[in-house]
Amino acid sequence: MNLLAGTSQDLAAGVAAAVPPNDDRIDTLVCPPFPYLITVGTAINGSGVQLGAQDAYHEAGGAFTGEVSAQMLVDAGCRWVILGHSERRHVIGESDELINKKVIAARAAGLNVMLCIGELLGDREANQTESVLEGQLSGSLAGIDDEAMSGVALAYEPVWAIGTGVTATPDQAETAHVYIRKWLSDCYNPRIAETTRILYGGSVKPDNAAELMSLQNIDGVLVGGASLKTDLFVPIIEAARSVAAP
């Protein structure tokens, strides 16, 4: 919940200028607040930047004042939606069951989903990271078959590292991603485990992005505060491009 129409448009234009439409090495997307989806969509039109939303409701329409459906997001030009973000889980109070309904609705509408999972500091200190991830994965992906998983990316975001300036160490991040990939292999199959993109989120900055994305099981990053300034976000995009270079 940052920026206004003008600053959102300026940021989007700056990011779009750094991502040409023919660069197929990486996928770049921006997910502005609902009121600015159309404005930002116009600013990135013709570039390689894709448009996403920060949330969606699980009903297709009706008397749900204040909510936005997946179909509305598609109509606004979105290709992606973030679901299960830690702030939705721990500030708004969304359950795995509700997030699961949203994932099902978003995939049915043709949206790609970035599903966020991650543990609280207390969970990590109690050595409960893997059990928390297992619960969030199994609950949020219930009923999502192999075909639907082709449009799902996962974002591991340790809640204790979000907006705190504290980034998970490369070993901590890689260990969590290895567990998530093993879970995908066990609960789906090795092909799904290999092809599903698993991103890291949590105090990602220009000076740590390349190191994180160079790890074997980290396929990209979900950027928070650093995505609000072009001079911070563009270097992270460039880091992804350098890691992905053949």
Protein backbone atom coordinates (compact mmCIF):
# COMPACT_ATOMS: atom_id res chain seq x y z
CA MET A 1 0.00 0.00 0.00
CA ASN A 2 2.52 2.52 -1.30
CA LEU A 3 2.71 5.35 -3.84
CA LEU A 4 -0.09 7.20 -5.65
CA ALA A 5 -1.13 7.36 -9.30
CA GLY A 6 1.63 9.66 -10.54
CA THR A 7 4.47 8.05 -8.62
CA SER A 8 3.22 4.57 -9.54
CA GLN A 9 3.21 5.51 -13.21
CA ASP A 10 6.71 7.03 -13.00
CA LEU A 11 8.07 3.92 -11.27
CA ALA A 12 6.43 1.60 -13.79
CA ALA A 13 7.78 3.61 -16.70
CA GLY A 14 11.28 3.48 -15.27
CA VAL A 15 11.09 -0.28 -14.84
CA ALA A 16 9.60 -0.74 -18.31
CA ALA A 17 12.50 1.20 -19.85
CA ALA A 18 14.89 -1.38 -18.38
CA VAL A 19 13.00 -4.45 -19.63
CA PRO A 20 12.78 -4.74 -23.43
CA PRO A 21 9.94 -6.83 -24.88
CA ASN A 22 12.31 -9.27 -26.58
CA ASP A 23 14.32 -10.26 -23.47
CA ASP A 24 13.16 -13.81 -22.81
CA ARG A 25 15.86 -14.65 -20.24
CA ILE A 26 13.76 -13.52 -17.28
CA ASP A 27 10.18 -12.70 -16.35
CA THR A 28 9.60 -9.33 -14.69
CA LEU A 29 6.31 -8.23 -13.20
CA VAL A 30 4.96 -5.39 -11.10
CA CYS A 31 1.97 -5.69 -8.79
CA PRO A 32 0.53 -2.28 -7.89
CA PRO A 33 -2.50 -1.63 -5.66
CA PHE A 34 -5.89 -2.17 -7.29
CA PRO A 35 -6.65 1.53 -8.04
CA TYR A 36 -3.50 1.85 -10.19
CA LEU A 37 -3.64 -1.35 -12.23
CA ILE A 38 -4.87 0.43 -15.36
CA THR A 39 -2.43 3.34 -14.98
CA VAL A 40 0.54 1.07 -14.45
CA GLY A 41 -0.64 -1.27 -17.20
CA THR A 42 -0.56 1.65 -19.62
CA ALA A 43 2.93 2.66 -18.45
CA ILE A 44 4.40 -0.80 -19.07
CA ASN A 45 2.56 -1.45 -22.34
CA GLY A 46 4.96 -2.53 -25.07
CA SER A 47 7.71 -3.51 -22.64
CA GLY A 48 8.69 -6.90 -21.25
CA VAL A 49 7.11 -6.14 -17.87
CA GLN A 50 4.00 -8.11 -16.95
CA LEU A 51 1.17 -6.81 -14.78
CA GLY A 52 0.01 -8.52 -11.59
CA ALA A 53 -2.25 -7.79 -8.64
CA GLN A 54 -1.61 -8.13 -4.93
CA ASP A 55 -4.68 -10.22 -4.10
CA ALA A 56 -7.99 -11.53 -5.47
CA TYR A 57 -11.27 -12.80 -4.07
CA HIS A 58 -12.41 -16.36 -4.67
CA GLU A 59 -15.91 -15.58 -5.94
CA ALA A 60 -16.48 -14.66 -9.58
CA GLY A 61 -18.87 -11.83 -8.74
CA GLY A 62 -21.80 -10.80 -6.60
CA ALA A 63 -22.48 -8.94 -3.37
CA PHE A 64 -18.96 -8.92 -1.93
CA THR A 65 -18.40 -5.21 -1.40
CA GLY A 66 -14.76 -4.20 -1.44
CA GLU A 67 -13.49 -7.38 -3.08
CA VAL A 68 -12.01 -7.84 -6.56
CA SER A 69 -12.47 -11.03 -8.58
CA ALA A 70 -9.89 -12.85 -10.66
CA GLN A 71 -12.01 -12.17 -13.75
CA MET A 72 -11.84 -8.43 -13.06
CA LEU A 73 -8.07 -8.64 -12.82
CA VAL A 74 -7.84 -10.44 -16.15
CA ASP A 75 -10.09 -7.78 -17.66
CA ALA A 76 -7.73 -5.09 -16.29
CA GLY A 77 -4.78 -6.72 -18.07
CA CYS A 78 -3.28 -8.76 -15.25
CA ARG A 79 -1.43 -11.97 -15.98
CA TRP A 80 -0.42 -12.66 -12.38
CA VAL A 81 -1.79 -12.38 -8.86
CA ILE A 82 0.04 -12.67 -5.53
CA LEU A 83 -1.85 -14.87 -3.07
CA GLY A 84 -1.11 -15.80 0.53
CA HIS A 85 1.37 -12.99 1.12
CA SER A 86 2.56 -13.00 4.72
CA GLU A 87 0.78 -9.72 5.38
CA ARG A 88 -2.49 -11.24 4.14
CA ARG A 89 -1.90 -14.22 6.40
CA HIS A 90 -0.63 -12.51 9.55
CA VAL A 91 -2.08 -8.98 9.39
CA ILE A 92 -5.41 -9.64 7.65
CA GLY A 93 -5.77 -13.14 9.11
CA GLU A 94 -6.28 -15.24 5.97
CA SER A 95 -6.28 -19.00 6.46
CA ASP A 96 -4.82 -21.68 4.20
CA GLU A 97 -8.40 -22.71 3.39
CA LEU A 98 -9.31 -19.22 2.12
CA ILE A 99 -6.05 -18.89 0.21
CA ASN A 100 -6.71 -22.27 -1.40
CA LYS A 101 -10.09 -21.05 -2.65
CA LYS A 102 -8.38 -18.01 -4.13
CA VAL A 103 -5.71 -20.13 -5.86
CA ILE A 104 -8.38 -22.33 -7.42
CA ALA A 105 -10.41 -19.32 -8.58
CA ALA A 106 -7.38 -17.50 -9.99
CA ARG A 107 -6.17 -20.49 -11.99
CA ALA A 108 -9.70 -21.12 -13.30
CA ALA A 109 -9.78 -17.52 -14.54
CA GLY A 110 -6.46 -17.96 -16.34
CA LEU A 111 -4.27 -16.01 -13.92
CA ASN A 112 -0.81 -17.18 -12.97
CA VAL A 113 -0.42 -17.36 -9.21
CA MET A 114 2.52 -16.38 -7.04
CA LEU A 115 1.76 -18.27 -3.83
CA CYS A 116 3.64 -17.01 -0.78
CA ILE A 117 4.65 -19.21 2.11
CA GLY A 118 6.96 -18.68 5.06
CA GLU A 119 7.48 -19.02 8.79
CA LEU A 120 7.42 -16.56 11.68
CA LEU A 121 10.52 -15.95 13.80
CA GLY A 122 9.06 -18.05 16.60
CA ASP A 123 8.54 -20.93 14.19
CA ARG A 124 12.16 -20.83 13.09
CA GLU A 125 13.47 -20.56 16.65
CA ALA A 126 11.36 -23.60 17.55
CA ASN A 127 12.71 -25.54 14.54
CA GLN A 128 9.21 -25.60 13.03
CA THR A 129 10.08 -24.09 9.63
CA GLU A 130 9.48 -27.26 7.63
CA SER A 131 6.23 -28.16 9.39
CA VAL A 132 4.90 -24.63 8.80
CA LEU A 133 5.86 -24.80 5.12
CA GLU A 134 4.28 -28.24 4.78
CA GLY A 135 1.03 -27.00 6.29
CA GLN A 136 0.89 -23.93 4.10
CA LEU A 137 1.74 -25.86 0.93
CA SER A 138 -0.69 -28.71 1.51
CA GLY A 139 -3.46 -26.37 2.64
CA SER A 140 -3.05 -23.69 -0.02
CA LEU A 141 -2.57 -26.14 -2.91
CA ALA A 142 -5.32 -28.61 -2.01
CA GLY A 143 -7.06 -29.76 -5.20
CA ILE A 144 -4.51 -28.08 -7.49
CA ASP A 145 -3.55 -30.69 -10.07
CA ASP A 146 -0.48 -30.95 -12.29
CA GLU A 147 -2.04 -28.85 -15.05
CA ALA A 148 -3.01 -26.04 -12.68
CA MET A 149 0.47 -26.12 -11.11
CA SER A 150 1.93 -25.11 -14.47
CA GLY A 151 0.69 -21.60 -13.69
CA VAL A 152 1.81 -21.47 -10.06
CA ALA A 153 5.09 -20.05 -8.76
CA LEU A 154 6.01 -20.27 -5.09
CA ALA A 155 7.61 -17.48 -3.09
CA TYR A 156 9.35 -18.41 0.15
CA GLU A 157 9.33 -15.36 2.38
CA PRO A 158 10.53 -15.87 5.95
CA VAL A 159 8.33 -13.39 7.81
CA TRP A 160 11.17 -12.40 10.12
CA ALA A 161 13.13 -11.11 7.11
CA ILE A 162 10.41 -8.98 5.52
CA GLY A 163 10.97 -5.25 5.82
CA THR A 164 13.42 -5.78 8.68
CA GLY A 165 16.63 -5.40 6.74
CA VAL A 166 17.54 -8.90 7.89
CA THR A 167 17.91 -11.30 4.98
CA ALA A 168 17.98 -15.06 5.39
CA THR A 169 21.51 -16.30 4.91
CA PRO A 170 22.14 -18.06 1.60
CA ASP A 171 22.25 -21.35 3.48
CA GLN A 172 18.95 -20.68 5.28
CA ALA A 173 17.24 -19.68 2.04
CA GLU A 174 18.62 -22.60 0.04
CA THR A 175 17.71 -25.11 2.76
CA ALA A 176 14.09 -23.93 2.76
CA HIS A 177 13.94 -24.02 -1.03
CA VAL A 178 15.38 -27.56 -1.08
CA TYR A 179 12.62 -28.64 1.31
CA ILE A 180 9.93 -26.99 -0.84
CA ARG A 181 11.23 -28.67 -3.98
CA LYS A 182 11.33 -32.05 -2.23
CA TRP A 183 7.74 -31.50 -1.07
CA LEU A 184 6.71 -30.82 -4.67
CA SER A 185 8.46 -33.99 -5.82
CA ASP A 186 6.83 -36.10 -3.11
CA CYS A 187 3.33 -34.62 -3.38
CA TYR A 188 3.28 -34.12 -7.16
CA ASN A 189 6.16 -35.57 -9.14
CA PRO A 190 9.80 -34.80 -10.03
CA ARG A 191 8.77 -32.92 -13.19
CA ILE A 192 6.59 -30.49 -11.22
CA ALA A 193 9.39 -30.10 -8.67
CA GLU A 194 11.86 -29.22 -11.41
CA THR A 195 9.66 -26.85 -13.41
CA THR A 196 7.94 -24.94 -10.59
CA ARG A 197 9.68 -21.64 -9.96
CA ILE A 198 10.51 -20.98 -6.32
CA LEU A 199 11.34 -17.37 -5.48
CA TYR A 200 12.88 -15.90 -2.35
CA GLY A 201 11.39 -12.81 -0.69
CA GLY A 202 12.61 -10.92 2.34
CA SER A 203 14.79 -7.78 2.36
CA VAL A 204 16.05 -8.41 -1.17
CA LYS A 205 18.40 -5.60 -2.22
CA PRO A 206 20.74 -4.87 -5.13
CA ASP A 207 23.73 -6.03 -3.09
CA ASN A 208 22.34 -9.48 -2.23
CA ALA A 209 20.06 -10.29 -5.18
CA ALA A 210 22.67 -11.90 -7.43
CA GLU A 211 24.03 -14.10 -4.65
CA LEU A 212 20.56 -15.31 -3.72
CA MET A 213 19.54 -16.02 -7.31
CA SER A 214 22.79 -17.85 -7.98
CA LEU A 215 21.79 -20.59 -5.54
CA GLN A 216 20.67 -23.81 -7.19
CA ASN A 217 17.09 -23.87 -5.92
CA ILE A 218 16.28 -20.14 -5.98
CA ASP A 219 14.70 -19.20 -9.29
CA GLY A 220 14.05 -15.51 -8.68
CA VAL A 221 13.06 -12.95 -6.06
CA LEU A 222 9.92 -11.30 -4.76
CA VAL A 223 10.98 -7.74 -4.05
CA GLY A 224 9.30 -5.53 -1.46
CA GLY A 225 10.66 -2.17 -0.35
CA ALA A 226 13.43 -2.10 -2.96
CA SER A 227 10.83 -2.31 -5.74
CA LEU A 228 9.51 1.14 -4.82
CA LYS A 229 12.51 2.97 -6.26
CA THR A 230 13.71 2.58 -9.83
CA ASP A 231 17.36 2.96 -8.84
CA LEU A 232 17.02 -0.02 -6.50
CA PHE A 233 14.65 -2.24 -8.48
CA VAL A 234 16.40 -1.98 -11.85
CA PRO A 235 19.75 -3.27 -10.48
CA ILE A 236 17.88 -6.29 -9.08
CA ILE A 237 16.40 -6.93 -12.52
CA GLU A 238 19.89 -6.62 -14.01
CA ALA A 239 21.18 -9.09 -11.41
CA ALA A 240 18.52 -11.59 -12.45
CA ARG A 241 19.45 -11.08 -16.08
CA SER A 242 23.15 -11.68 -15.34
CA VAL A 243 22.41 -14.87 -13.41
CA ALA A 244 20.17 -16.13 -16.20
CA ALA A 245 22.67 -15.31 -18.96
CA PRO A 246 23.83 -18.39 -20.91
